[in-house]
Amino acid sequence: MLCSTCKHFAESNLEKIYTICKECCLKDNDYELSGSKHYPKAILEVCTCKFGQYPQIQAFIKSDRPKKYKNLNIKYVRGLDPIIKLYDAENKVEDVLDIHKWDTDSVDEFLSTHLSKD
């Protein structure tokens, strides 16, 4: 977890969790310098029929959060559990992530960390 994420625990009066988080978190600058992979494009795919099973994914999609990512598309695929497809500069699928266990904040943090800003 990135150290910048730990601040949310402090804001929610969860000081004990905040303290533990700060002990083992990854400093944001260190993470950027580590050469972590950035992707120029991502597609979040899910079936709307699965929203009942994955309310956290529905909450992310229906919120304003996806608008922060110009290079993120939402695609509705019949019967599909939620995944994120990550693309390289040649528009080829480079990685596919199963996100059905992710919460709204995890999806947002992953995209802000791994999706190119331009």
PDB file of N, CA and C in Angstrom:
ATOM      1  N   MET A   1       0.842  -1.171   0.000  1.00  0.00           N
ATOM      2  CA  MET A   1       0.000   0.000   0.000  1.00  0.00           C
ATOM      3  C   MET A   1       0.890   1.237   0.000  1.00  0.00           C
ATOM      4  N   LEU A   2       0.471   2.234  -0.750  1.00  0.00           N
ATOM      5  CA  LEU A   2       1.220   3.484  -0.789  1.00  0.00           C
ATOM      6  C   LEU A   2       0.978   4.287   0.481  1.00  0.00           C
ATOM      7  N   CYS A   3       2.007   4.981   0.939  1.00  0.00           N
ATOM      8  CA  CYS A   3       1.897   5.780   2.168  1.00  0.00           C
ATOM      9  C   CYS A   3       0.813   6.849   2.061  1.00  0.00           C
ATOM     10  N   SER A   4       0.611   7.366   0.875  1.00  0.00           N
ATOM     11  CA  SER A   4      -0.430   8.387   0.715  1.00  0.00           C
ATOM     12  C   SER A   4      -1.818   7.824   1.015  1.00  0.00           C
ATOM     13  N   THR A   5      -1.977   6.524   0.877  1.00  0.00           N
ATOM     14  CA  THR A   5      -3.256   5.889   1.183  1.00  0.00           C
ATOM     15  C   THR A   5      -3.481   5.801   2.689  1.00  0.00           C
ATOM     16  N   CYS A   6      -2.417   5.704   3.455  1.00  0.00           N
ATOM     17  CA  CYS A   6      -2.527   5.584   4.914  1.00  0.00           C
ATOM     18  C   CYS A   6      -3.238   6.779   5.537  1.00  0.00           C
ATOM     19  N   LYS A   7      -3.105   7.938   4.920  1.00  0.00           N
ATOM     20  CA  LYS A   7      -3.713   9.144   5.494  1.00  0.00           C
ATOM     21  C   LYS A   7      -5.222   9.015   5.633  1.00  0.00           C
ATOM     22  N   HIS A   8      -5.835   8.168   4.819  1.00  0.00           N
ATOM     23  CA  HIS A   8      -7.282   7.980   4.905  1.00  0.00           C
ATOM     24  C   HIS A   8      -7.680   7.343   6.238  1.00  0.00           C
ATOM     25  N   PHE A   9      -6.790   6.521   6.789  1.00  0.00           N
ATOM     26  CA  PHE A   9      -7.068   5.917   8.094  1.00  0.00           C
ATOM     27  C   PHE A   9      -7.058   6.982   9.182  1.00  0.00           C
ATOM     28  N   ALA A  10      -6.108   7.893   9.103  1.00  0.00           N
ATOM     29  CA  ALA A  10      -6.030   8.965  10.099  1.00  0.00           C
ATOM     30  C   ALA A  10      -7.259   9.867  10.008  1.00  0.00           C
ATOM     31  N   GLU A  11      -7.689  10.148   8.791  1.00  0.00           N
ATOM     32  CA  GLU A  11      -8.866  11.000   8.590  1.00  0.00           C
ATOM     33  C   GLU A  11     -10.137  10.350   9.131  1.00  0.00           C
ATOM     34  N   SER A  12     -10.131   9.019   9.195  1.00  0.00           N
ATOM     35  CA  SER A  12     -11.302   8.285   9.684  1.00  0.00           C
ATOM     36  C   SER A  12     -11.177   7.920  11.159  1.00  0.00           C
ATOM     37  N   ASN A  13     -10.221   8.559  11.853  1.00  0.00           N
ATOM     38  CA  ASN A  13      -9.978   8.298  13.277  1.00  0.00           C
ATOM     39  C   ASN A  13      -9.614   6.845  13.559  1.00  0.00           C
ATOM     40  N   LEU A  14      -8.847   6.254  12.673  1.00  0.00           N
ATOM     41  CA  LEU A  14      -8.352   4.892  12.846  1.00  0.00           C
ATOM     42  C   LEU A  14      -6.842   4.955  13.071  1.00  0.00           C
ATOM     43  N   GLU A  15      -6.459   5.597  14.154  1.00  0.00           N
ATOM     44  CA  GLU A  15      -5.046   5.874  14.430  1.00  0.00           C
ATOM     45  C   GLU A  15      -4.197   4.611  14.524  1.00  0.00           C
ATOM     46  N   LYS A  16      -4.726   3.560  15.127  1.00  0.00           N
ATOM     47  CA  LYS A  16      -3.946   2.324  15.282  1.00  0.00           C
ATOM     48  C   LYS A  16      -3.617   1.728  13.906  1.00  0.00           C
ATOM     49  N   ILE A  17      -4.608   1.690  13.037  1.00  0.00           N
ATOM     50  CA  ILE A  17      -4.377   1.170  11.685  1.00  0.00           C
ATOM     51  C   ILE A  17      -3.442   2.100  10.919  1.00  0.00           C
ATOM     52  N   TYR A  18      -3.606   3.397  11.100  1.00  0.00           N
ATOM     53  CA  TYR A  18      -2.736   4.375  10.449  1.00  0.00           C
ATOM     54  C   TYR A  18      -1.277   4.137  10.842  1.00  0.00           C
ATOM     55  N   THR A  19      -1.030   3.926  12.138  1.00  0.00           N
ATOM     56  CA  THR A  19       0.331   3.701  12.632  1.00  0.00           C
ATOM     57  C   THR A  19       0.936   2.449  12.009  1.00  0.00           C
ATOM     58  N   ILE A  20       0.170   1.381  11.956  1.00  0.00           N
ATOM     59  CA  ILE A  20       0.653   0.128  11.361  1.00  0.00           C
ATOM     60  C   ILE A  20       0.903   0.322   9.867  1.00  0.00           C
ATOM     61  N   CYS A  21       0.009   1.025   9.219  1.00  0.00           N
ATOM     62  CA  CYS A  21       0.138   1.287   7.784  1.00  0.00           C
ATOM     63  C   CYS A  21       1.433   2.046   7.485  1.00  0.00           C
ATOM     64  N   LYS A  22       1.721   3.069   8.273  1.00  0.00           N
ATOM     65  CA  LYS A  22       2.919   3.889   8.050  1.00  0.00           C
ATOM     66  C   LYS A  22       4.210   3.095   8.246  1.00  0.00           C
ATOM     67  N   GLU A  23       4.153   2.021   9.044  1.00  0.00           N
ATOM     68  CA  GLU A  23       5.350   1.211   9.291  1.00  0.00           C
ATOM     69  C   GLU A  23       5.774   0.406   8.067  1.00  0.00           C
ATOM     70  N   CYS A  24       4.818   0.016   7.254  1.00  0.00           N
ATOM     71  CA  CYS A  24       5.170  -0.895   6.163  1.00  0.00           C
ATOM     72  C   CYS A  24       4.772  -0.393   4.775  1.00  0.00           C
ATOM     73  N   CYS A  25       4.274   0.823   4.682  1.00  0.00           N
ATOM     74  CA  CYS A  25       3.821   1.321   3.382  1.00  0.00           C
ATOM     75  C   CYS A  25       5.003   1.649   2.465  1.00  0.00           C
ATOM     76  N   LEU A  26       4.680   1.749   1.212  1.00  0.00           N
ATOM     77  CA  LEU A  26       5.662   2.086   0.187  1.00  0.00           C
ATOM     78  C   LEU A  26       5.568   3.578  -0.084  1.00  0.00           C
ATOM     79  N   LYS A  27       6.665   4.286   0.139  1.00  0.00           N
ATOM     80  CA  LYS A  27       6.669   5.737  -0.072  1.00  0.00           C
ATOM     81  C   LYS A  27       6.363   6.044  -1.536  1.00  0.00           C
ATOM     82  N   ASP A  28       5.509   7.006  -1.739  1.00  0.00           N
ATOM     83  CA  ASP A  28       5.054   7.327  -3.090  1.00  0.00           C
ATOM     84  C   ASP A  28       6.218   7.617  -4.034  1.00  0.00           C
ATOM     85  N   ASN A  29       7.188   8.408  -3.606  1.00  0.00           N
ATOM     86  CA  ASN A  29       8.343   8.739  -4.454  1.00  0.00           C
ATOM     87  C   ASN A  29       9.174   7.509  -4.763  1.00  0.00           C
ATOM     88  N   ASP A  30       9.372   6.638  -3.769  1.00  0.00           N
ATOM     89  CA  ASP A  30      10.127   5.406  -3.995  1.00  0.00           C
ATOM     90  C   ASP A  30       9.426   4.542  -5.028  1.00  0.00           C
ATOM     91  N   TYR A  31       8.109   4.515  -4.949  1.00  0.00           N
ATOM     92  CA  TYR A  31       7.340   3.704  -5.880  1.00  0.00           C
ATOM     93  C   TYR A  31       7.503   4.228  -7.302  1.00  0.00           C
ATOM     94  N   GLU A  32       7.446   5.535  -7.450  1.00  0.00           N
ATOM     95  CA  GLU A  32       7.614   6.130  -8.776  1.00  0.00           C
ATOM     96  C   GLU A  32       9.011   5.858  -9.323  1.00  0.00           C
ATOM     97  N   LEU A  33      10.015   5.916  -8.466  1.00  0.00           N
ATOM     98  CA  LEU A  33      11.395   5.708  -8.893  1.00  0.00           C
ATOM     99  C   LEU A  33      11.718   4.240  -9.120  1.00  0.00           C
ATOM    100  N   SER A  34      10.887   3.344  -8.614  1.00  0.00           N
ATOM    101  CA  SER A  34      11.169   1.915  -8.722  1.00  0.00           C
ATOM    102  C   SER A  34      10.965   1.400 -10.141  1.00  0.00           C
ATOM    103  N   GLY A  35      10.450   2.244 -11.016  1.00  0.00           N
ATOM    104  CA  GLY A  35      10.236   1.819 -12.394  1.00  0.00           C
ATOM    105  C   GLY A  35       8.968   1.001 -12.556  1.00  0.00           C
ATOM    106  N   SER A  36       8.011   1.215 -11.683  1.00  0.00           N
ATOM    107  CA  SER A  36       6.762   0.473 -11.795  1.00  0.00           C
ATOM    108  C   SER A  36       6.155   0.727 -13.170  1.00  0.00           C
ATOM    109  N   LYS A  37       5.506  -0.267 -13.675  1.00  0.00           N
ATOM    110  CA  LYS A  37       4.964  -0.225 -15.030  1.00  0.00           C
ATOM    111  C   LYS A  37       3.780   0.737 -15.129  1.00  0.00           C
ATOM    112  N   HIS A  38       3.789   1.538 -16.172  1.00  0.00           N
ATOM    113  CA  HIS A  38       2.675   2.428 -16.473  1.00  0.00           C
ATOM    114  C   HIS A  38       2.103   2.016 -17.828  1.00  0.00           C
ATOM    115  N   TYR A  39       0.800   2.016 -17.914  1.00  0.00           N
ATOM    116  CA  TYR A  39       0.115   1.598 -19.130  1.00  0.00           C
ATOM    117  C   TYR A  39      -0.596   2.790 -19.764  1.00  0.00           C
ATOM    118  N   PRO A  40      -0.521   2.909 -21.087  1.00  0.00           N
ATOM    119  CA  PRO A  40      -1.159   4.042 -21.751  1.00  0.00           C
ATOM    120  C   PRO A  40      -2.682   3.930 -21.851  1.00  0.00           C
ATOM    121  N   LYS A  41      -3.220   2.719 -21.654  1.00  0.00           N
ATOM    122  CA  LYS A  41      -4.663   2.537 -21.806  1.00  0.00           C
ATOM    123  C   LYS A  41      -5.126   1.365 -20.958  1.00  0.00           C
ATOM    124  N   ALA A  42      -6.348   1.481 -20.436  1.00  0.00           N
ATOM    125  CA  ALA A  42      -6.963   0.384 -19.686  1.00  0.00           C
ATOM    126  C   ALA A  42      -8.447   0.322 -20.018  1.00  0.00           C
ATOM    127  N   ILE A  43      -8.975  -0.898 -19.988  1.00  0.00           N
ATOM    128  CA  ILE A  43     -10.413  -1.098 -20.148  1.00  0.00           C
ATOM    129  C   ILE A  43     -10.901  -1.929 -18.973  1.00  0.00           C
ATOM    130  N   LEU A  44     -11.877  -1.391 -18.256  1.00  0.00           N
ATOM    131  CA  LEU A  44     -12.525  -2.139 -17.187  1.00  0.00           C
ATOM    132  C   LEU A  44     -13.743  -2.806 -17.814  1.00  0.00           C
ATOM    133  N   GLU A  45     -13.760  -4.141 -17.780  1.00  0.00           N
ATOM    134  CA  GLU A  45     -14.860  -4.885 -18.388  1.00  0.00           C
ATOM    135  C   GLU A  45     -15.665  -5.585 -17.304  1.00  0.00           C
ATOM    136  N   VAL A  46     -16.986  -5.532 -17.434  1.00  0.00           N
ATOM    137  CA  VAL A  46     -17.878  -6.179 -16.467  1.00  0.00           C
ATOM    138  C   VAL A  46     -19.265  -6.297 -17.093  1.00  0.00           C
ATOM    139  N   CYS A  47     -20.039  -7.230 -16.593  1.00  0.00           N
ATOM    140  CA  CYS A  47     -21.434  -7.356 -16.995  1.00  0.00           C
ATOM    141  C   CYS A  47     -22.305  -6.649 -15.962  1.00  0.00           C
ATOM    142  N   THR A  48     -23.245  -5.844 -16.422  1.00  0.00           N
ATOM    143  CA  THR A  48     -24.132  -5.156 -15.476  1.00  0.00           C
ATOM    144  C   THR A  48     -24.962  -6.151 -14.671  1.00  0.00           C
ATOM    145  N   CYS A  49     -25.149  -7.348 -15.200  1.00  0.00           N
ATOM    146  CA  CYS A  49     -25.896  -8.371 -14.465  1.00  0.00           C
ATOM    147  C   CYS A  49     -25.131  -8.834 -13.222  1.00  0.00           C
ATOM    148  N   LYS A  50     -23.841  -8.524 -13.146  1.00  0.00           N
ATOM    149  CA  LYS A  50     -23.005  -8.916 -12.005  1.00  0.00           C
ATOM    150  C   LYS A  50     -22.878  -7.806 -10.964  1.00  0.00           C
ATOM    151  N   PHE A  51     -23.492  -6.648 -11.200  1.00  0.00           N
ATOM    152  CA  PHE A  51     -23.376  -5.533 -10.253  1.00  0.00           C
ATOM    153  C   PHE A  51     -23.851  -5.925  -8.858  1.00  0.00           C
ATOM    154  N   GLY A  52     -24.869  -6.764  -8.762  1.00  0.00           N
ATOM    155  CA  GLY A  52     -25.353  -7.209  -7.455  1.00  0.00           C
ATOM    156  C   GLY A  52     -24.308  -7.993  -6.686  1.00  0.00           C
ATOM    157  N   GLN A  53     -23.484  -8.763  -7.397  1.00  0.00           N
ATOM    158  CA  GLN A  53     -22.415  -9.545  -6.771  1.00  0.00           C
ATOM    159  C   GLN A  53     -21.200  -8.690  -6.445  1.00  0.00           C
ATOM    160  N   TYR A  54     -21.008  -7.614  -7.187  1.00  0.00           N
ATOM    161  CA  TYR A  54     -19.824  -6.770  -7.029  1.00  0.00           C
ATOM    162  C   TYR A  54     -20.227  -5.306  -6.849  1.00  0.00           C
ATOM    163  N   PRO A  55     -20.875  -4.981  -5.731  1.00  0.00           N
ATOM    164  CA  PRO A  55     -21.343  -3.600  -5.536  1.00  0.00           C
ATOM    165  C   PRO A  55     -20.207  -2.584  -5.492  1.00  0.00           C
ATOM    166  N   GLN A  56     -19.009  -3.022  -5.084  1.00  0.00           N
ATOM    167  CA  GLN A  56     -17.876  -2.106  -5.032  1.00  0.00           C
ATOM    168  C   GLN A  56     -17.439  -1.693  -6.439  1.00  0.00           C
ATOM    169  N   ILE A  57     -17.551  -2.601  -7.402  1.00  0.00           N
ATOM    170  CA  ILE A  57     -17.207  -2.280  -8.789  1.00  0.00           C
ATOM    171  C   ILE A  57     -18.290  -1.375  -9.384  1.00  0.00           C
ATOM    172  N   GLN A  58     -19.542  -1.676  -9.076  1.00  0.00           N
ATOM    173  CA  GLN A  58     -20.638  -0.816  -9.516  1.00  0.00           C
ATOM    174  C   GLN A  58     -20.465   0.597  -8.962  1.00  0.00           C
ATOM    175  N   ALA A  59     -20.106   0.685  -7.682  1.00  0.00           N
ATOM    176  CA  ALA A  59     -19.921   1.998  -7.051  1.00  0.00           C
ATOM    177  C   ALA A  59     -18.821   2.788  -7.754  1.00  0.00           C
ATOM    178  N   PHE A  60     -17.725   2.112  -8.118  1.00  0.00           N
ATOM    179  CA  PHE A  60     -16.640   2.787  -8.831  1.00  0.00           C
ATOM    180  C   PHE A  60     -17.132   3.294 -10.184  1.00  0.00           C
ATOM    181  N   ILE A  61     -17.787   2.430 -10.943  1.00  0.00           N
ATOM    182  CA  ILE A  61     -18.230   2.785 -12.294  1.00  0.00           C
ATOM    183  C   ILE A  61     -19.256   3.914 -12.276  1.00  0.00           C
ATOM    184  N   LYS A  62     -20.174   3.868 -11.328  1.00  0.00           N
ATOM    185  CA  LYS A  62     -21.252   4.862 -11.270  1.00  0.00           C
ATOM    186  C   LYS A  62     -20.803   6.187 -10.647  1.00  0.00           C
ATOM    187  N   SER A  63     -19.636   6.195 -10.015  1.00  0.00           N
ATOM    188  CA  SER A  63     -19.125   7.421  -9.391  1.00  0.00           C
ATOM    189  C   SER A  63     -18.452   8.312 -10.440  1.00  0.00           C
ATOM    190  N   ASP A  64     -17.893   9.410  -9.980  1.00  0.00           N
ATOM    191  CA  ASP A  64     -17.139  10.303 -10.865  1.00  0.00           C
ATOM    192  C   ASP A  64     -15.693   9.858 -11.043  1.00  0.00           C
ATOM    193  N   ARG A  65     -15.273   8.836 -10.316  1.00  0.00           N
ATOM    194  CA  ARG A  65     -13.865   8.418 -10.357  1.00  0.00           C
ATOM    195  C   ARG A  65     -13.366   8.044 -11.748  1.00  0.00           C
ATOM    196  N   PRO A  66     -14.113   7.293 -12.552  1.00  0.00           N
ATOM    197  CA  PRO A  66     -13.588   6.951 -13.882  1.00  0.00           C
ATOM    198  C   PRO A  66     -13.281   8.172 -14.751  1.00  0.00           C
ATOM    199  N   LYS A  67     -13.956   9.286 -14.511  1.00  0.00           N
ATOM    200  CA  LYS A  67     -13.730  10.496 -15.307  1.00  0.00           C
ATOM    201  C   LYS A  67     -12.338  11.075 -15.092  1.00  0.00           C
ATOM    202  N   LYS A  68     -11.684  10.696 -13.986  1.00  0.00           N
ATOM    203  CA  LYS A  68     -10.320  11.173 -13.720  1.00  0.00           C
ATOM    204  C   LYS A  68      -9.311  10.568 -14.695  1.00  0.00           C
ATOM    205  N   TYR A  69      -9.695   9.466 -15.320  1.00  0.00           N
ATOM    206  CA  TYR A  69      -8.765   8.722 -16.174  1.00  0.00           C
ATOM    207  C   TYR A  69      -9.241   8.791 -17.624  1.00  0.00           C
ATOM    208  N   LYS A  70      -8.625   9.677 -18.388  1.00  0.00           N
ATOM    209  CA  LYS A  70      -9.028   9.870 -19.784  1.00  0.00           C
ATOM    210  C   LYS A  70      -8.747   8.638 -20.635  1.00  0.00           C
ATOM    211  N   ASN A  71      -7.771   7.842 -20.214  1.00  0.00           N
ATOM    212  CA  ASN A  71      -7.399   6.661 -20.987  1.00  0.00           C
ATOM    213  C   ASN A  71      -7.980   5.370 -20.398  1.00  0.00           C
ATOM    214  N   LEU A  72      -9.055   5.498 -19.609  1.00  0.00           N
ATOM    215  CA  LEU A  72      -9.796   4.347 -19.090  1.00  0.00           C
ATOM    216  C   LEU A  72     -11.149   4.290 -19.780  1.00  0.00           C
ATOM    217  N   ASN A  73     -11.474   3.121 -20.290  1.00  0.00           N
ATOM    218  CA  ASN A  73     -12.794   2.899 -20.875  1.00  0.00           C
ATOM    219  C   ASN A  73     -13.527   1.851 -20.047  1.00  0.00           C
ATOM    220  N   ILE A  74     -14.835   1.979 -19.981  1.00  0.00           N
ATOM    221  CA  ILE A  74     -15.679   0.983 -19.335  1.00  0.00           C
ATOM    222  C   ILE A  74     -16.397   0.234 -20.446  1.00  0.00           C
ATOM    223  N   LYS A  75     -16.303  -1.092 -20.399  1.00  0.00           N
ATOM    224  CA  LYS A  75     -16.940  -1.906 -21.431  1.00  0.00           C
ATOM    225  C   LYS A  75     -17.823  -2.943 -20.739  1.00  0.00           C
ATOM    226  N   TYR A  76     -19.062  -3.027 -21.178  1.00  0.00           N
ATOM    227  CA  TYR A  76     -20.001  -3.984 -20.607  1.00  0.00           C
ATOM    228  C   TYR A  76     -20.026  -5.229 -21.490  1.00  0.00           C
ATOM    229  N   VAL A  77     -19.638  -6.367 -20.892  1.00  0.00           N
ATOM    230  CA  VAL A  77     -19.545  -7.629 -21.619  1.00  0.00           C
ATOM    231  C   VAL A  77     -20.457  -8.644 -20.928  1.00  0.00           C
ATOM    232  N   ARG A  78     -21.396  -9.155 -21.655  1.00  0.00           N
ATOM    233  CA  ARG A  78     -22.402 -10.061 -21.099  1.00  0.00           C
ATOM    234  C   ARG A  78     -21.767 -11.239 -20.354  1.00  0.00           C
ATOM    235  N   GLY A  79     -22.166 -11.404 -19.081  1.00  0.00           N
ATOM    236  CA  GLY A  79     -21.757 -12.549 -18.272  1.00  0.00           C
ATOM    237  C   GLY A  79     -20.368 -12.479 -17.665  1.00  0.00           C
ATOM    238  N   LEU A  80     -19.634 -11.399 -17.890  1.00  0.00           N
ATOM    239  CA  LEU A  80     -18.235 -11.316 -17.462  1.00  0.00           C
ATOM    240  C   LEU A  80     -18.087 -10.781 -16.040  1.00  0.00           C
ATOM    241  N   ASP A  81     -17.271 -11.467 -15.236  1.00  0.00           N
ATOM    242  CA  ASP A  81     -16.874 -10.939 -13.933  1.00  0.00           C
ATOM    243  C   ASP A  81     -15.916  -9.773 -14.183  1.00  0.00           C
ATOM    244  N   PRO A  82     -15.787  -8.840 -13.226  1.00  0.00           N
ATOM    245  CA  PRO A  82     -14.983  -7.635 -13.481  1.00  0.00           C
ATOM    246  C   PRO A  82     -13.485  -7.914 -13.670  1.00  0.00           C
ATOM    247  N   ILE A  83     -12.952  -7.344 -14.737  1.00  0.00           N
ATOM    248  CA  ILE A  83     -11.517  -7.426 -15.032  1.00  0.00           C
ATOM    249  C   ILE A  83     -11.045  -6.062 -15.531  1.00  0.00           C
ATOM    250  N   ILE A  84      -9.740  -5.865 -15.443  1.00  0.00           N
ATOM    251  CA  ILE A  84      -9.115  -4.703 -16.076  1.00  0.00           C
ATOM    252  C   ILE A  84      -8.104  -5.227 -17.082  1.00  0.00           C
ATOM    253  N   LYS A  85      -8.241  -4.787 -18.329  1.00  0.00           N
ATOM    254  CA  LYS A  85      -7.269  -5.111 -19.369  1.00  0.00           C
ATOM    255  C   LYS A  85      -6.351  -3.911 -19.517  1.00  0.00           C
ATOM    256  N   LEU A  86      -5.058  -4.171 -19.483  1.00  0.00           N
ATOM    257  CA  LEU A  86      -4.051  -3.115 -19.599  1.00  0.00           C
ATOM    258  C   LEU A  86      -3.357  -3.245 -20.950  1.00  0.00           C
ATOM    259  N   TYR A  87      -3.243  -2.125 -21.636  1.00  0.00           N
ATOM    260  CA  TYR A  87      -2.720  -2.119 -23.001  1.00  0.00           C
ATOM    261  C   TYR A  87      -1.386  -1.395 -23.090  1.00  0.00           C
ATOM    262  N   ASP A  88      -0.571  -1.837 -24.059  1.00  0.00           N
ATOM    263  CA  ASP A  88       0.699  -1.160 -24.310  1.00  0.00           C
ATOM    264  C   ASP A  88       0.488  -0.059 -25.353  1.00  0.00           C
ATOM    265  N   ALA A  89       1.575   0.574 -25.752  1.00  0.00           N
ATOM    266  CA  ALA A  89       1.509   1.703 -26.690  1.00  0.00           C
ATOM    267  C   ALA A  89       1.005   1.290 -28.076  1.00  0.00           C
ATOM    268  N   GLU A  90       1.165   0.014 -28.435  1.00  0.00           N
ATOM    269  CA  GLU A  90       0.685  -0.481 -29.729  1.00  0.00           C
ATOM    270  C   GLU A  90      -0.756  -0.972 -29.645  1.00  0.00           C
ATOM    271  N   ASN A  91      -1.414  -0.688 -28.527  1.00  0.00           N
ATOM    272  CA  ASN A  91      -2.810  -1.074 -28.305  1.00  0.00           C
ATOM    273  C   ASN A  91      -3.004  -2.587 -28.242  1.00  0.00           C
ATOM    274  N   LYS A  92      -1.981  -3.286 -27.751  1.00  0.00           N
ATOM    275  CA  LYS A  92      -2.071  -4.733 -27.550  1.00  0.00           C
ATOM    276  C   LYS A  92      -2.258  -5.001 -26.063  1.00  0.00           C
ATOM    277  N   VAL A  93      -3.083  -5.999 -25.748  1.00  0.00           N
ATOM    278  CA  VAL A  93      -3.311  -6.353 -24.344  1.00  0.00           C
ATOM    279  C   VAL A  93      -2.008  -6.858 -23.747  1.00  0.00           C
ATOM    280  N   GLU A  94      -1.583  -6.199 -22.679  1.00  0.00           N
ATOM    281  CA  GLU A  94      -0.340  -6.580 -22.024  1.00  0.00           C
ATOM    282  C   GLU A  94      -0.591  -7.365 -20.738  1.00  0.00           C
ATOM    283  N   ASP A  95      -1.712  -7.081 -20.088  1.00  0.00           N
ATOM    284  CA  ASP A  95      -2.029  -7.759 -18.834  1.00  0.00           C
ATOM    285  C   ASP A  95      -3.536  -7.724 -18.614  1.00  0.00           C
ATOM    286  N   VAL A  96      -4.048  -8.764 -17.950  1.00  0.00           N
ATOM    287  CA  VAL A  96      -5.463  -8.830 -17.589  1.00  0.00           C
ATOM    288  C   VAL A  96      -5.533  -9.146 -16.103  1.00  0.00           C
ATOM    289  N   LEU A  97      -6.253  -8.310 -15.353  1.00  0.00           N
ATOM    290  CA  LEU A  97      -6.347  -8.470 -13.905  1.00  0.00           C
ATOM    291  C   LEU A  97      -7.775  -8.768 -13.484  1.00  0.00           C
ATOM    292  N   ASP A  98      -7.921  -9.795 -12.668  1.00  0.00           N
ATOM    293  CA  ASP A  98      -9.212 -10.123 -12.068  1.00  0.00           C
ATOM    294  C   ASP A  98      -9.404  -9.195 -10.876  1.00  0.00           C
ATOM    295  N   ILE A  99     -10.432  -8.370 -10.906  1.00  0.00           N
ATOM    296  CA  ILE A  99     -10.609  -7.370  -9.844  1.00  0.00           C
ATOM    297  C   ILE A  99     -11.873  -7.616  -9.022  1.00  0.00           C
ATOM    298  N   HIS A 100     -12.426  -8.808  -9.079  1.00  0.00           N
ATOM    299  CA  HIS A 100     -13.704  -9.035  -8.408  1.00  0.00           C
ATOM    300  C   HIS A 100     -13.625  -8.901  -6.889  1.00  0.00           C
ATOM    301  N   LYS A 101     -12.444  -9.034  -6.310  1.00  0.00           N
ATOM    302  CA  LYS A 101     -12.296  -8.885  -4.858  1.00  0.00           C
ATOM    303  C   LYS A 101     -11.820  -7.489  -4.451  1.00  0.00           C
ATOM    304  N   TRP A 102     -11.593  -6.614  -5.417  1.00  0.00           N
ATOM    305  CA  TRP A 102     -11.099  -5.272  -5.120  1.00  0.00           C
ATOM    306  C   TRP A 102     -12.239  -4.385  -4.642  1.00  0.00           C
ATOM    307  N   ASP A 103     -11.913  -3.462  -3.743  1.00  0.00           N
ATOM    308  CA  ASP A 103     -12.913  -2.466  -3.359  1.00  0.00           C
ATOM    309  C   ASP A 103     -12.723  -1.218  -4.227  1.00  0.00           C
ATOM    310  N   THR A 104     -13.623  -0.282  -4.067  1.00  0.00           N
ATOM    311  CA  THR A 104     -13.617   0.935  -4.888  1.00  0.00           C
ATOM    312  C   THR A 104     -12.296   1.688  -4.785  1.00  0.00           C
ATOM    313  N   ASP A 105     -11.779   1.830  -3.566  1.00  0.00           N
ATOM    314  CA  ASP A 105     -10.527   2.562  -3.371  1.00  0.00           C
ATOM    315  C   ASP A 105      -9.340   1.837  -3.996  1.00  0.00           C
ATOM    316  N   SER A 106      -9.353   0.502  -3.965  1.00  0.00           N
ATOM    317  CA  SER A 106      -8.258  -0.270  -4.567  1.00  0.00           C
ATOM    318  C   SER A 106      -8.215  -0.074  -6.078  1.00  0.00           C
ATOM    319  N   VAL A 107      -9.374  -0.078  -6.707  1.00  0.00           N
ATOM    320  CA  VAL A 107      -9.431   0.157  -8.155  1.00  0.00           C
ATOM    321  C   VAL A 107      -8.882   1.542  -8.473  1.00  0.00           C
ATOM    322  N   ASP A 108      -9.331   2.525  -7.715  1.00  0.00           N
ATOM    323  CA  ASP A 108      -8.899   3.909  -7.928  1.00  0.00           C
ATOM    324  C   ASP A 108      -7.393   4.059  -7.714  1.00  0.00           C
ATOM    325  N   GLU A 109      -6.875   3.474  -6.644  1.00  0.00           N
ATOM    326  CA  GLU A 109      -5.439   3.585  -6.361  1.00  0.00           C
ATOM    327  C   GLU A 109      -4.614   2.883  -7.430  1.00  0.00           C
ATOM    328  N   PHE A 110      -5.058   1.706  -7.868  1.00  0.00           N
ATOM    329  CA  PHE A 110      -4.328   0.986  -8.906  1.00  0.00           C
ATOM    330  C   PHE A 110      -4.247   1.820 -10.179  1.00  0.00           C
ATOM    331  N   LEU A 111      -5.379   2.361 -10.594  1.00  0.00           N
ATOM    332  CA  LEU A 111      -5.395   3.154 -11.826  1.00  0.00           C
ATOM    333  C   LEU A 111      -4.550   4.414 -11.698  1.00  0.00           C
ATOM    334  N   SER A 112      -4.615   5.077 -10.558  1.00  0.00           N
ATOM    335  CA  SER A 112      -3.822   6.303 -10.397  1.00  0.00           C
ATOM    336  C   SER A 112      -2.332   5.998 -10.357  1.00  0.00           C
ATOM    337  N   THR A 113      -1.982   4.784  -9.971  1.00  0.00           N
ATOM    338  CA  THR A 113      -0.578   4.390  -9.882  1.00  0.00           C
ATOM    339  C   THR A 113      -0.039   3.840 -11.201  1.00  0.00           C
ATOM    340  N   HIS A 114      -0.853   3.069 -11.923  1.00  0.00           N
ATOM    341  CA  HIS A 114      -0.354   2.340 -13.092  1.00  0.00           C
ATOM    342  C   HIS A 114      -0.823   2.862 -14.443  1.00  0.00           C
ATOM    343  N   LEU A 115      -1.786   3.749 -14.451  1.00  0.00           N
ATOM    344  CA  LEU A 115      -2.264   4.276 -15.725  1.00  0.00           C
ATOM    345  C   LEU A 115      -1.538   5.582 -16.031  1.00  0.00           C
ATOM    346  N   SER A 116      -0.989   5.679 -17.232  1.00  0.00           N
ATOM    347  CA  SER A 116      -0.268   6.896 -17.619  1.00  0.00           C
ATOM    348  C   SER A 116      -1.174   8.101 -17.488  1.00  0.00           C
ATOM    349  N   LYS A 117      -0.573   9.214 -17.098  1.00  0.00           N
ATOM    350  CA  LYS A 117      -1.351  10.430 -16.850  1.00  0.00           C
ATOM    351  C   LYS A 117      -1.636  11.227 -18.125  1.00  0.00           C
ATOM    352  N   ASP A 118      -0.948  10.913 -19.212  1.00  0.00           N
ATOM    353  CA  ASP A 118      -1.139  11.719 -20.428  1.00  0.00           C
ATOM    354  C   ASP A 118      -2.146  11.159 -21.365  1.00  0.00           C
TER     355      ASP A 118
END
